[in-house]
Amino acid sequence: MGQPNFLIVVADDLGFSDTGVYGSEIKTPSIDKLAQDGLRFTDFHAASACSPTRSMLLSGTDHHIAGVGAMIESIKDFQRHKPGYEGYLNDRVVSLPELLRDKGYKTYMSGKWHLGLTKERWPHSRGFDRSFSLLPGAANHYAYEPQLESGDQRPSLLARTPPYYVEDDRHIPPKELGKDFYSSDAFADKLLQYLDERSDAEREQPFFAYFAFSAPHWPLQAPEEDIVPYRGRYDEGPEALRQERVENLKRLGLVPEHATPHDVVAPHRQRVLSRQWETLSPSEKAFSSRTMETYAGMVQRLDSQLERVFAYLRSTQELDNTFVIFMSDNGAEGTLLEAAPIIGENIFEHIDKYYNNSLENMGRFDSYVWYGPHWASAGTAPSRLYKAFIAEGGIRVPFILRYPPLTSARPSLSIEHAFCTVMDIYPTILELAGISYPDSAYKGHEIVPLRGKSWLPYLRHVSEDYSSAAASATLPNGDSMPSPPSPARIHAEESVTGWELFGRLAVRQGKWKATFIPAPYGPEVWELFDLEQDPGETRSVAEEEPAKLRELLKAWNEYVGEVGVAQEPPEYGTLIVE
């Protein structure tokens, strides 16, 4: 069959339970079918925000090493000019498409980039043969920008998130995108164009395609036909949805029966979207539920565009030789934009003046809304918190893998509970492609080693176990199929993984995880959780297990040194002193 193709699909701010096969009411038949033939992971972890995860995906190492130690929108003075805080995918790493292209792969990207704004940092300069990309971290999905009155200025949030699209090495002005432009549709259009334009000779080469949606990231916008099916679906409020989702996750075996959901964390109670449902007026409830209807429409639309790509690959008989993954870059976005660490200003006056957020208009090109912590917590439950936090709700994301040579022996809708991270994707792809990572230098500059670990030994081990079990089930004695032996771990139990972003800290080793979350979202002390017993991180056992906490905090300090976390006085390390 030759070298496999690779299709990496990334959704933007999609919650753990926001697709059908992860317990959602949202219609996602294409994603569901991918899982029916593949594997769903329950303990896959990303970074807590967009660009850090994307840098880890394309570099195979920690984002503090790859250049996105902090998001460029929120970098602080003490982080500036530090190695790993360049704000773009730096030259200490070899991007995955660069290495694959060097070894004969055709490389394509369509979607959100968020890894560099200057031309020498665009996707075409980091290994992609063809690319159509949104450069900033977000934009109006219809590429709409209102004409401002004389003397008015866009708030920095909107000024930093214009519809800045590029194709290869050319900027595309918004007027050239067309009157029917919508981000998810356009990304699918371009990827299909690139695949279809391959010459006969190029079709003999394997391809790597990076399909990175900017949905369902705010602003919440979707075509009306995708929103209408959810009218009234969320009128009982976010807590009813949260309980429904948790029940579905348990029924599907995606979280343990004993899992207790963490309470919703929603400071800033003066804002409508942070208040308890029962305190809202009828009009406020209608507004809130309409934001969730719009979000659901975005997810449904994303799924339909993904199906277009799958249908094409089926028509060219390439799908079964394509290693496909579907993931989110972080947890659902629960932070109110006006309270987010990247904002720092009031944006409501501008939105009220230049956008129409009426119920009838919400989701259209000239609306601008987000849905807040309660709806996001329905998407991340039973986990604690959401995007931008290193609690499980911010970093544990849905992940589906389909590649028949590795997954076809498994039962339909199989589930994997092994811990793994986004850094593992890079070495897994290299091993499947039969490509070695450079020793210490690439094209004249020094590079760092990979921190991720290939899943191939694990996946082959498990697939062989299931094949053996299936064979024994065909024996004529009538015995039922035996369960395969307990699979090996992807990462050794003693291995350590760390997280840091926005001054929120975490370190994990096996089932143990320590977190430090400043107020008002956390207690501003180190906490310790046993994730096997308490996946919702509802009760710290730091007092019962002081030795384990000390062990993890020692590992945290080692992580800080290894990846180069820039520290603000008082340094993070001082927080571990008892």
Protein backbone atom coordinates (compact mmCIF):
# COMPACT_ATOMS: atom_id res chain seq x y z
CA MET A 1 0.00 0.00 0.00
CA GLY A 2 3.00 2.30 0.37
CA GLN A 3 3.36 5.26 2.68
CA PRO A 4 0.12 6.46 4.24
CA ASN A 5 -1.47 9.82 3.65
CA PHE A 6 -2.20 12.00 6.68
CA LEU A 7 -5.24 14.17 7.33
CA ILE A 8 -5.11 16.19 10.56
CA VAL A 9 -8.43 17.84 11.41
CA VAL A 10 -8.51 20.42 14.21
CA ALA A 11 -11.67 22.06 15.54
CA ASP A 12 -11.30 25.37 17.38
CA ASP A 13 -12.61 25.54 20.99
CA LEU A 14 -14.75 22.40 20.68
CA GLY A 15 -15.77 20.89 24.01
CA PHE A 16 -15.13 17.28 25.03
CA SER A 17 -18.78 16.24 24.62
CA ASP A 18 -19.75 18.45 21.66
CA THR A 19 -19.99 15.68 19.04
CA GLY A 20 -22.47 12.83 18.77
CA VAL A 21 -20.05 10.03 19.55
CA TYR A 22 -18.97 11.90 22.68
CA GLY A 23 -22.53 12.21 23.96
CA SER A 24 -23.80 15.35 22.25
CA GLU A 25 -27.23 16.13 20.87
CA ILE A 26 -25.53 18.11 18.07
CA LYS A 27 -25.76 16.33 14.74
CA THR A 28 -22.26 15.26 13.63
CA PRO A 29 -22.77 12.19 11.40
CA SER A 30 -19.40 12.52 9.64
CA ILE A 31 -17.42 12.65 12.88
CA ASP A 32 -19.58 9.84 14.29
CA LYS A 33 -18.80 7.64 11.30
CA LEU A 34 -15.08 8.33 11.73
CA ALA A 35 -15.32 7.01 15.29
CA GLN A 36 -17.38 3.98 14.29
CA ASP A 37 -14.45 2.82 12.17
CA GLY A 38 -11.76 4.14 14.48
CA LEU A 39 -10.84 4.88 18.07
CA ARG A 40 -12.12 7.46 20.53
CA PHE A 41 -9.60 8.61 23.12
CA THR A 42 -10.70 9.76 26.57
CA ASP A 43 -7.37 10.93 28.04
CA PHE A 44 -5.85 12.90 25.17
CA HIS A 45 -4.47 16.28 26.21
CA ALA A 46 -3.64 19.53 24.46
CA ALA A 47 -2.49 22.90 25.77
CA SER A 48 -5.14 25.16 27.25
CA ALA A 49 -5.34 27.56 24.29
CA CYS A 50 -5.17 27.77 20.51
CA SER A 51 -1.68 28.67 19.31
CA PRO A 52 0.22 26.77 22.04
CA THR A 53 -1.54 23.54 21.00
CA ARG A 54 -0.94 24.18 17.31
CA SER A 55 2.76 24.78 17.93
CA MET A 56 3.00 21.48 19.82
CA LEU A 57 1.14 19.62 17.07
CA LEU A 58 3.48 20.84 14.33
CA SER A 59 6.72 20.63 16.36
CA GLY A 60 6.35 17.55 18.58
CA THR A 61 7.61 19.50 21.58
CA ASP A 62 6.40 21.80 24.34
CA HIS A 63 5.04 25.20 23.29
CA HIS A 64 7.49 26.98 25.61
CA ILE A 65 10.25 25.56 23.41
CA ALA A 66 8.51 25.94 20.04
CA GLY A 67 8.03 29.70 20.32
CA VAL A 68 4.58 30.12 21.85
CA GLY A 69 5.39 30.11 25.56
CA ALA A 70 2.71 32.77 25.79
CA MET A 71 0.05 33.76 23.30
CA ILE A 72 1.33 36.73 21.35
CA GLU A 73 -1.85 38.62 22.25
CA SER A 74 -1.07 38.45 25.97
CA ILE A 75 2.71 38.28 26.29
CA LYS A 76 3.99 40.06 29.42
CA ASP A 77 7.06 42.22 29.89
CA PHE A 78 8.94 39.56 31.85
CA GLN A 79 8.40 37.09 28.98
CA ARG A 80 9.48 39.32 26.11
CA HIS A 81 12.71 38.42 24.29
CA LYS A 82 13.00 35.13 26.20
CA PRO A 83 13.75 31.98 24.17
CA GLY A 84 10.50 30.22 23.42
CA TYR A 85 8.42 33.40 23.68
CA GLU A 86 8.88 34.68 20.15
CA GLY A 87 5.14 34.49 19.45
CA TYR A 88 5.54 32.34 16.35
CA LEU A 89 6.74 28.84 15.43
CA ASN A 90 10.45 29.37 15.84
CA ASP A 91 13.54 27.90 14.17
CA ARG A 92 14.48 25.68 17.11
CA VAL A 93 11.96 23.20 15.67
CA VAL A 94 11.41 21.54 12.31
CA SER A 95 7.77 21.82 11.39
CA LEU A 96 6.13 18.50 10.54
CA PRO A 97 5.22 19.52 6.96
CA GLU A 98 8.79 20.68 6.33
CA LEU A 99 10.18 17.26 7.17
CA LEU A 100 7.45 15.38 5.30
CA ARG A 101 7.90 17.53 2.18
CA ASP A 102 11.64 16.90 2.25
CA LYS A 103 10.87 13.17 2.10
CA GLY A 104 8.48 13.27 -0.85
CA TYR A 105 5.11 14.18 0.64
CA LYS A 106 2.81 16.76 -0.93
CA THR A 107 1.76 19.10 1.88
CA TYR A 108 -1.44 21.13 2.08
CA MET A 109 -3.05 23.37 4.65
CA SER A 110 -6.46 24.97 4.79
CA GLY A 111 -7.56 26.72 7.96
CA LYS A 112 -6.45 28.76 10.92
CA TRP A 113 -2.71 29.27 11.36
CA HIS A 114 -2.08 31.48 14.45
CA LEU A 115 1.65 30.69 14.41
CA GLY A 116 3.12 33.81 12.85
CA LEU A 117 1.89 36.96 11.12
CA THR A 118 4.93 38.07 9.12
CA LYS A 119 5.42 36.65 5.64
CA GLU A 120 8.48 34.59 6.54
CA ARG A 121 6.32 32.87 9.19
CA TRP A 122 3.30 32.10 7.02
CA PRO A 123 2.44 28.44 6.31
CA HIS A 124 4.04 28.54 2.86
CA SER A 125 7.37 29.30 4.57
CA ARG A 126 7.00 26.44 7.06
CA GLY A 127 6.63 23.51 4.73
CA PHE A 128 3.29 23.68 2.93
CA ASP A 129 3.20 23.33 -0.86
CA ARG A 130 -0.23 24.98 -0.96
CA SER A 131 -1.98 26.82 1.84
CA PHE A 132 -5.07 28.92 2.44
CA SER A 133 -4.95 30.33 5.94
CA LEU A 134 -6.49 32.66 8.46
CA LEU A 135 -3.42 34.13 10.14
CA PRO A 136 -4.77 35.60 13.43
CA GLY A 137 -6.40 33.64 16.23
CA ALA A 138 -9.98 34.46 15.24
CA ALA A 139 -12.06 36.52 12.83
CA ASN A 140 -15.61 37.14 11.76
CA HIS A 141 -16.57 33.90 10.02
CA TYR A 142 -18.19 35.83 7.18
CA ALA A 143 -15.11 38.11 6.83
CA TYR A 144 -17.31 41.08 7.67
CA GLU A 145 -15.98 44.30 9.16
CA PRO A 146 -18.30 47.26 9.71
CA GLN A 147 -17.40 50.65 8.30
CA LEU A 148 -16.54 52.83 11.29
CA GLU A 149 -17.66 56.39 11.76
CA SER A 150 -15.03 59.09 11.69
CA GLY A 151 -13.06 59.18 14.94
CA ASP A 152 -14.10 55.68 16.05
CA GLN A 153 -11.56 52.91 16.50
CA ARG A 154 -11.96 49.18 16.78
CA PRO A 155 -11.33 47.78 20.26
CA SER A 156 -8.04 45.92 20.40
CA LEU A 157 -9.84 42.55 20.43
CA LEU A 158 -11.37 43.23 17.02
CA ALA A 159 -8.30 45.04 15.73
CA ARG A 160 -6.19 41.95 16.47
CA THR A 161 -8.68 39.56 14.83
CA PRO A 162 -9.34 40.91 11.33
CA PRO A 163 -10.29 38.61 8.45
CA TYR A 164 -6.65 38.39 7.37
CA TYR A 165 -6.45 35.49 4.92
CA VAL A 166 -3.50 34.46 2.80
CA GLU A 167 -3.03 31.93 0.03
CA ASP A 168 0.51 30.69 -0.36
CA ASP A 169 2.55 33.94 -0.32
CA ARG A 170 -0.28 36.34 -1.18
CA HIS A 171 -2.61 38.29 1.11
CA ILE A 172 -6.27 38.07 0.04
CA PRO A 173 -8.26 41.27 0.70
CA PRO A 174 -11.68 40.53 2.26
CA LYS A 175 -13.53 41.79 -0.85
CA GLU A 176 -11.85 39.03 -2.88
CA LEU A 177 -13.21 36.32 -0.60
CA GLY A 178 -16.66 36.69 -2.12
CA LYS A 179 -20.11 37.62 -0.85
CA ASP A 180 -20.95 34.01 0.12
CA PHE A 181 -17.79 33.47 2.15
CA TYR A 182 -18.09 31.45 5.37
CA SER A 183 -14.95 30.14 7.04
CA SER A 184 -15.75 26.43 7.36
CA ASP A 185 -17.07 26.22 3.80
CA ALA A 186 -14.09 28.11 2.40
CA PHE A 187 -11.57 25.91 4.19
CA ALA A 188 -13.21 22.80 2.76
CA ASP A 189 -13.39 24.37 -0.71
CA LYS A 190 -9.68 25.13 -0.75
CA LEU A 191 -8.52 21.78 0.59
CA LEU A 192 -10.66 20.01 -1.99
CA GLN A 193 -9.24 22.28 -4.70
CA TYR A 194 -5.66 21.47 -3.72
CA LEU A 195 -6.31 17.73 -3.62
CA ASP A 196 -8.18 17.79 -6.92
CA GLU A 197 -5.53 19.85 -8.73
CA ARG A 198 -2.83 17.25 -8.17
CA SER A 199 -1.19 16.04 -11.35
CA ASP A 200 -1.03 12.34 -12.17
CA ALA A 201 2.54 12.26 -10.90
CA GLU A 202 1.57 14.05 -7.68
CA ARG A 203 -1.23 11.58 -7.06
CA GLU A 204 1.44 8.91 -6.86
CA GLN A 205 2.98 10.80 -3.93
CA PRO A 206 1.54 10.55 -0.42
CA PHE A 207 0.03 13.72 1.02
CA PHE A 208 -0.13 15.48 4.38
CA ALA A 209 -3.19 17.72 4.81
CA TYR A 210 -3.75 20.02 7.78
CA PHE A 211 -7.44 20.96 7.93
CA ALA A 212 -7.74 23.49 10.77
CA PHE A 213 -11.19 24.97 11.26
CA SER A 214 -11.68 28.30 13.02
CA ALA A 215 -15.10 27.08 14.20
CA PRO A 216 -16.68 26.96 16.69
CA HIS A 217 -14.45 29.78 18.05
CA TRP A 218 -16.19 33.10 18.75
CA PRO A 219 -17.80 35.10 17.27
CA LEU A 220 -20.58 32.51 17.18
CA GLN A 221 -21.90 32.58 13.61
CA ALA A 222 -23.41 29.95 11.33
CA PRO A 223 -25.71 29.69 8.33
CA GLU A 224 -29.35 29.90 9.37
CA GLU A 225 -30.17 26.42 8.06
CA ASP A 226 -27.71 24.95 10.55
CA ILE A 227 -29.04 26.93 13.51
CA VAL A 228 -32.76 26.35 12.95
CA PRO A 229 -32.72 22.61 13.91
CA TYR A 230 -31.72 23.63 17.46
CA ARG A 231 -34.46 26.18 18.05
CA GLY A 232 -35.82 25.55 21.54
CA ARG A 233 -33.43 22.67 22.22
CA TYR A 234 -31.63 24.55 24.97
CA ASP A 235 -34.57 26.31 26.60
CA GLU A 236 -34.10 24.36 29.83
CA GLY A 237 -30.74 26.04 30.35
CA PRO A 238 -27.10 25.00 30.57
CA GLU A 239 -27.33 22.98 33.78
CA ALA A 240 -29.95 20.67 32.25
CA LEU A 241 -27.67 20.19 29.25
CA ARG A 242 -24.66 19.57 31.50
CA GLN A 243 -26.42 16.81 33.39
CA GLU A 244 -27.67 15.27 30.15
CA ARG A 245 -24.18 15.27 28.65
CA VAL A 246 -22.61 13.68 31.75
CA GLU A 247 -25.23 10.92 31.73
CA ASN A 248 -24.52 10.26 28.06
CA LEU A 249 -20.75 10.14 28.63
CA LYS A 250 -21.21 7.57 31.38
CA ARG A 251 -23.62 5.51 29.29
CA LEU A 252 -21.12 5.47 26.42
CA GLY A 253 -18.25 4.43 28.70
CA LEU A 254 -16.30 7.63 28.06
CA VAL A 255 -16.16 8.64 31.72
CA PRO A 256 -16.41 6.33 34.74
CA GLU A 257 -19.72 5.86 36.52
CA HIS A 258 -18.28 7.26 39.73
CA ALA A 259 -17.23 10.55 38.12
CA THR A 260 -18.61 13.58 39.98
CA PRO A 261 -18.89 16.70 37.82
CA HIS A 262 -17.08 19.76 39.09
CA ASP A 263 -19.29 22.73 39.93
CA VAL A 264 -19.47 25.42 37.27
CA VAL A 265 -16.93 28.17 37.92
CA ALA A 266 -18.42 31.46 36.76
CA PRO A 267 -17.05 34.63 38.33
CA HIS A 268 -18.14 38.08 37.13
CA ARG A 269 -21.75 37.39 38.08
CA GLN A 270 -22.84 40.88 37.02
CA ARG A 271 -22.83 39.70 33.39
CA VAL A 272 -25.83 37.84 31.99
CA LEU A 273 -23.87 34.84 30.69
CA SER A 274 -22.24 34.23 34.10
CA ARG A 275 -25.42 34.33 36.16
CA GLN A 276 -27.40 31.30 37.27
CA TRP A 277 -30.16 30.37 34.84
CA GLU A 278 -32.95 30.78 37.39
CA THR A 279 -31.96 34.41 38.02
CA LEU A 280 -32.38 35.40 34.37
CA SER A 281 -35.43 37.14 32.95
CA PRO A 282 -37.29 35.47 30.06
CA SER A 283 -35.56 37.73 27.53
CA GLU A 284 -32.14 37.01 29.06
CA LYS A 285 -32.83 33.27 28.92
CA ALA A 286 -33.86 33.57 25.29
CA PHE A 287 -30.63 35.42 24.47
CA SER A 288 -28.49 32.87 26.32
CA SER A 289 -30.12 29.82 24.75
CA ARG A 290 -29.85 31.40 21.30
CA THR A 291 -26.07 31.67 21.73
CA MET A 292 -25.96 27.92 22.34
CA GLU A 293 -28.22 27.24 19.36
CA THR A 294 -25.79 29.20 17.22
CA TYR A 295 -22.82 27.30 18.63
CA ALA A 296 -24.54 24.00 17.80
CA GLY A 297 -25.13 25.24 14.27
CA MET A 298 -21.42 26.00 13.89
CA VAL A 299 -20.50 22.46 14.94
CA GLN A 300 -23.08 20.94 12.60
CA ARG A 301 -21.75 23.02 9.71
CA LEU A 302 -18.17 22.01 10.47
CA ASP A 303 -19.23 18.36 10.32
CA SER A 304 -20.92 18.78 6.94
CA GLN A 305 -17.79 20.36 5.47
CA LEU A 306 -15.64 17.59 6.86
CA GLU A 307 -17.91 15.10 5.14
CA ARG A 308 -17.19 16.77 1.79
CA VAL A 309 -13.48 15.99 2.22
CA PHE A 310 -14.15 12.42 3.34
CA ALA A 311 -16.48 11.89 0.37
CA TYR A 312 -13.76 13.08 -1.99
CA LEU A 313 -11.18 10.73 -0.49
CA ARG A 314 -13.63 7.84 -0.75
CA SER A 315 -14.23 8.71 -4.42
CA THR A 316 -10.48 8.63 -5.12
CA GLN A 317 -10.09 5.44 -3.05
CA GLU A 318 -7.57 7.19 -0.80
CA LEU A 319 -9.47 7.28 2.49
CA ASP A 320 -8.50 3.81 3.68
CA ASN A 321 -4.81 4.60 3.20
CA THR A 322 -5.16 7.89 5.08
CA PHE A 323 -4.28 8.22 8.76
CA VAL A 324 -7.07 10.54 9.92
CA ILE A 325 -7.26 12.29 13.26
CA PHE A 326 -9.93 14.65 14.54
CA MET A 327 -9.32 16.75 17.64
CA SER A 328 -9.99 20.06 19.34
CA ASP A 329 -7.19 22.47 20.16
CA ASN A 330 -8.40 23.05 23.73
CA GLY A 331 -11.54 22.93 25.83
CA ALA A 332 -14.69 24.91 25.15
CA GLU A 333 -14.37 28.69 25.52
CA GLY A 334 -16.04 29.63 28.80
CA THR A 335 -14.29 32.88 29.61
CA LEU A 336 -16.35 35.99 29.08
CA LEU A 337 -14.49 38.00 26.47
CA GLU A 338 -14.63 41.12 28.58
CA ALA A 339 -12.85 39.21 31.39
CA ALA A 340 -10.36 37.23 29.29
CA PRO A 341 -6.63 37.73 29.89
CA ILE A 342 -6.09 38.79 26.28
CA ILE A 343 -8.72 41.57 26.30
CA GLY A 344 -8.33 44.09 29.10
CA GLU A 345 -11.03 46.50 27.89
CA ASN A 346 -14.78 46.96 27.59
CA ILE A 347 -15.97 46.08 24.11
CA PHE A 348 -19.74 46.29 24.56
CA GLU A 349 -20.21 49.88 23.44
CA HIS A 350 -18.55 49.13 20.10
CA ILE A 351 -20.51 45.90 19.59
CA ASP A 352 -23.81 47.59 20.46
CA LYS A 353 -23.09 50.35 17.94
CA TYR A 354 -21.84 48.31 15.00
CA TYR A 355 -23.43 44.86 15.35
CA ASN A 356 -26.96 43.51 15.61
CA ASN A 357 -27.27 40.88 18.34
CA SER A 358 -31.04 40.64 18.30
CA LEU A 359 -32.52 37.15 18.59
CA GLU A 360 -33.59 37.24 14.96
CA ASN A 361 -30.14 38.23 13.74
CA MET A 362 -27.85 36.24 16.02
CA GLY A 363 -25.47 34.04 14.06
CA ARG A 364 -25.50 36.20 10.94
CA PHE A 365 -22.60 38.15 9.47
CA ASP A 366 -23.25 41.32 11.49
CA SER A 367 -23.73 39.70 14.90
CA TYR A 368 -20.98 39.20 17.46
CA VAL A 369 -21.66 36.94 20.47
CA TRP A 370 -20.08 34.29 22.70
CA TYR A 371 -21.79 31.89 25.11
CA GLY A 372 -20.03 32.07 28.47
CA PRO A 373 -19.00 29.68 31.26
CA HIS A 374 -22.25 27.81 31.88
CA TRP A 375 -22.71 26.52 28.34
CA ALA A 376 -18.98 25.83 28.02
CA SER A 377 -19.08 23.81 31.24
CA ALA A 378 -21.80 21.64 29.70
CA GLY A 379 -19.29 20.85 26.95
CA THR A 380 -16.38 20.09 29.28
CA ALA A 381 -18.23 18.29 32.10
CA PRO A 382 -17.51 16.38 34.23
CA SER A 383 -14.20 18.25 34.10
CA ARG A 384 -13.32 21.48 35.88
CA LEU A 385 -13.26 24.80 34.01
CA TYR A 386 -12.67 25.32 30.29
CA LYS A 387 -10.32 26.88 27.72
CA ALA A 388 -7.38 28.93 29.05
CA PHE A 389 -7.18 26.80 32.22
CA ILE A 390 -4.91 23.85 32.95
CA ALA A 391 -7.73 22.05 34.74
CA GLU A 392 -9.02 19.04 32.80
CA GLY A 393 -11.81 21.06 31.20
CA GLY A 394 -9.23 23.22 29.45
CA ILE A 395 -6.79 20.56 28.26
CA ARG A 396 -8.65 17.23 27.90
CA VAL A 397 -10.16 17.26 24.43
CA PRO A 398 -11.98 14.88 22.08
CA PHE A 399 -9.70 12.86 19.86
CA ILE A 400 -10.63 10.33 17.16
CA LEU A 401 -8.18 8.27 15.12
CA ARG A 402 -8.99 6.20 12.04
CA TYR A 403 -6.44 4.26 10.02
CA PRO A 404 -7.66 0.79 8.98
CA PRO A 405 -4.25 -0.94 9.16
CA LEU A 406 -4.21 -0.04 12.87
CA THR A 407 -7.90 0.26 13.76
CA SER A 408 -9.87 -2.20 11.63
CA ALA A 409 -9.28 -5.12 14.01
CA ARG A 410 -10.94 -3.20 16.82
CA PRO A 411 -14.67 -3.38 17.55
CA SER A 412 -16.79 -0.55 16.21
CA LEU A 413 -16.78 2.58 18.38
CA SER A 414 -13.74 1.45 20.33
CA ILE A 415 -12.51 3.54 23.23
CA GLU A 416 -8.94 4.18 24.37
CA HIS A 417 -8.27 5.35 27.93
CA ALA A 418 -4.48 5.67 27.68
CA PHE A 419 -2.98 9.05 28.58
CA CYS A 420 -1.39 10.86 25.62
CA THR A 421 -0.73 14.37 24.37
CA VAL A 422 -0.73 16.46 21.22
CA MET A 423 3.08 16.27 21.14
CA ASP A 424 2.79 12.55 20.37
CA ILE A 425 1.19 13.07 16.97
CA TYR A 426 4.41 14.23 15.28
CA PRO A 427 6.57 11.18 16.16
CA THR A 428 3.65 8.85 15.43
CA ILE A 429 3.33 10.27 11.92
CA LEU A 430 7.07 10.10 11.33
CA GLU A 431 7.22 6.45 12.33
CA LEU A 432 4.26 5.56 10.13
CA ALA A 433 5.89 7.35 7.20
CA GLY A 434 9.24 5.67 7.85
CA ILE A 435 11.01 9.01 8.34
CA SER A 436 13.71 9.72 10.91
CA TYR A 437 13.88 12.97 12.85
CA PRO A 438 17.13 14.94 12.31
CA ASP A 439 19.76 14.39 14.98
CA SER A 440 20.55 17.94 16.08
CA ALA A 441 20.47 20.31 13.12
CA TYR A 442 18.17 21.13 10.20
CA LYS A 443 19.23 23.25 7.22
CA GLY A 444 22.03 24.93 9.11
CA HIS A 445 20.41 25.65 12.45
CA GLU A 446 20.27 23.70 15.69
CA ILE A 447 17.01 22.02 16.60
CA VAL A 448 15.58 20.55 19.78
CA PRO A 449 14.66 16.88 20.21
CA LEU A 450 11.06 15.70 20.17
CA ARG A 451 9.28 15.45 23.53
CA GLY A 452 6.34 13.45 22.21
CA LYS A 453 6.23 9.67 21.98
CA SER A 454 5.05 7.57 19.04
CA TRP A 455 1.84 5.65 19.60
CA LEU A 456 2.70 3.03 17.01
CA PRO A 457 4.03 0.34 19.39
CA TYR A 458 0.98 0.78 21.61
CA LEU A 459 -1.55 0.77 18.76
CA ARG A 460 0.02 -2.27 17.14
CA HIS A 461 0.09 -4.10 20.46
CA VAL A 462 -3.58 -3.43 21.11
CA SER A 463 -4.63 -4.25 17.54
CA GLU A 464 -2.78 -7.57 17.73
CA ASP A 465 -4.51 -8.35 21.01
CA TYR A 466 -7.92 -7.78 19.45
CA SER A 467 -7.01 -9.78 16.35
CA SER A 468 -5.97 -12.70 18.53
CA ALA A 469 -9.14 -12.39 20.58
CA ALA A 470 -11.28 -12.29 17.45
CA ALA A 471 -9.57 -15.39 16.08
CA SER A 472 -10.16 -17.33 19.28
CA ALA A 473 -13.83 -16.32 19.19
CA THR A 474 -14.30 -18.33 15.98
CA LEU A 475 -13.42 -21.64 17.65
CA PRO A 476 -16.22 -24.22 17.42
CA ASN A 477 -16.54 -24.76 21.19
CA GLY A 478 -18.94 -21.81 21.53
CA ASP A 479 -16.86 -19.89 24.03
CA SER A 480 -17.37 -16.12 24.05
CA MET A 481 -14.63 -13.86 22.76
CA PRO A 482 -12.09 -13.24 25.52
CA SER A 483 -11.15 -9.70 26.43
CA PRO A 484 -7.66 -8.70 25.32
CA PRO A 485 -5.02 -8.39 28.01
CA SER A 486 -4.56 -5.02 29.66
CA PRO A 487 -2.72 -2.90 27.09
CA ALA A 488 0.61 -1.29 27.77
CA ARG A 489 0.68 2.44 28.43
CA ILE A 490 1.68 4.95 25.79
CA HIS A 491 3.63 6.88 28.43
CA ALA A 492 5.31 5.15 31.35
CA GLU A 493 3.58 5.73 34.67
CA GLU A 494 6.58 7.63 35.98
CA SER A 495 6.72 10.03 33.01
CA VAL A 496 5.89 13.68 33.76
CA THR A 497 3.87 16.17 31.72
CA GLY A 498 3.59 19.85 32.60
CA TRP A 499 1.36 22.73 31.58
CA GLU A 500 1.61 26.49 32.03
CA LEU A 501 -0.27 29.36 30.47
CA PHE A 502 -1.55 32.69 31.83
CA GLY A 503 0.16 31.92 35.16
CA ARG A 504 -1.93 28.76 35.64
CA LEU A 505 0.19 25.71 36.37
CA ALA A 506 -0.17 21.93 36.33
CA VAL A 507 1.95 18.81 36.41
CA ARG A 508 0.84 15.20 35.97
CA GLN A 509 2.44 11.83 36.64
CA GLY A 510 0.30 8.77 36.10
CA LYS A 511 -3.03 9.23 37.85
CA TRP A 512 -1.76 12.13 39.97
CA LYS A 513 -2.10 15.76 38.97
CA ALA A 514 -1.16 18.95 40.84
CA THR A 515 -2.61 22.31 39.83
CA PHE A 516 -2.15 25.95 40.77
CA ILE A 517 -4.99 28.22 39.64
CA PRO A 518 -5.05 31.84 40.83
CA ALA A 519 -8.20 33.54 42.12
CA PRO A 520 -10.99 34.11 41.24
CA TYR A 521 -11.09 30.81 39.32
CA GLY A 522 -9.10 28.77 41.84
CA PRO A 523 -7.86 28.80 45.45
CA GLU A 524 -4.40 30.15 44.54
CA VAL A 525 -2.65 27.24 46.28
CA TRP A 526 -1.28 24.00 44.91
CA GLU A 527 -3.93 21.27 44.87
CA LEU A 528 -3.52 17.53 44.30
CA PHE A 529 -5.97 15.24 42.54
CA ASP A 530 -6.26 11.51 41.95
CA LEU A 531 -7.74 11.53 38.45
CA GLU A 532 -8.73 7.88 38.55
CA GLN A 533 -10.94 8.43 41.58
CA ASP A 534 -11.82 12.05 40.88
CA PRO A 535 -11.71 12.90 37.15
CA GLY A 536 -13.69 16.07 37.82
CA GLU A 537 -10.96 17.47 40.10
CA THR A 538 -13.59 18.16 42.76
CA ARG A 539 -11.58 17.48 45.93
CA SER A 540 -7.91 18.14 46.57
CA VAL A 541 -6.10 15.41 48.53
CA ALA A 542 -3.02 17.55 49.16
CA GLU A 543 -3.39 17.25 52.92
CA GLU A 544 -3.84 13.46 52.81
CA GLU A 545 -0.96 12.93 50.36
CA PRO A 546 1.72 15.52 51.21
CA ALA A 547 4.60 13.31 50.03
CA LYS A 548 2.97 12.84 46.62
CA LEU A 549 2.42 16.58 46.30
CA ARG A 550 6.07 17.26 47.15
CA GLU A 551 7.10 14.70 44.53
CA LEU A 552 4.97 16.37 41.87
CA LEU A 553 6.19 19.84 42.75
CA LYS A 554 9.76 18.68 42.40
CA ALA A 555 8.78 17.36 38.96
CA TRP A 556 7.18 20.74 38.21
CA ASN A 557 10.43 22.55 38.92
CA GLU A 558 12.28 20.15 36.64
CA TYR A 559 9.72 20.78 33.90
CA VAL A 560 10.17 24.55 34.25
CA GLY A 561 13.90 24.15 33.74
CA GLU A 562 13.61 21.72 30.85
CA VAL A 563 11.22 23.75 28.70
CA GLY A 564 12.21 27.27 29.80
CA VAL A 565 9.07 28.59 31.46
CA ALA A 566 9.70 32.31 32.07
CA GLN A 567 8.95 33.15 35.68
CA GLU A 568 7.53 36.30 37.20
CA PRO A 569 8.61 37.40 40.69
CA PRO A 570 7.69 35.84 42.98
CA GLU A 571 8.82 32.93 40.82
CA TYR A 572 6.45 30.03 40.33
CA GLY A 573 8.93 27.78 42.08
CA THR A 574 8.47 29.63 45.36
CA LEU A 575 4.85 28.57 45.39
CA ILE A 576 5.79 25.03 46.37
CA VAL A 577 7.39 26.00 49.67
CA GLU A 578 5.42 24.50 52.53
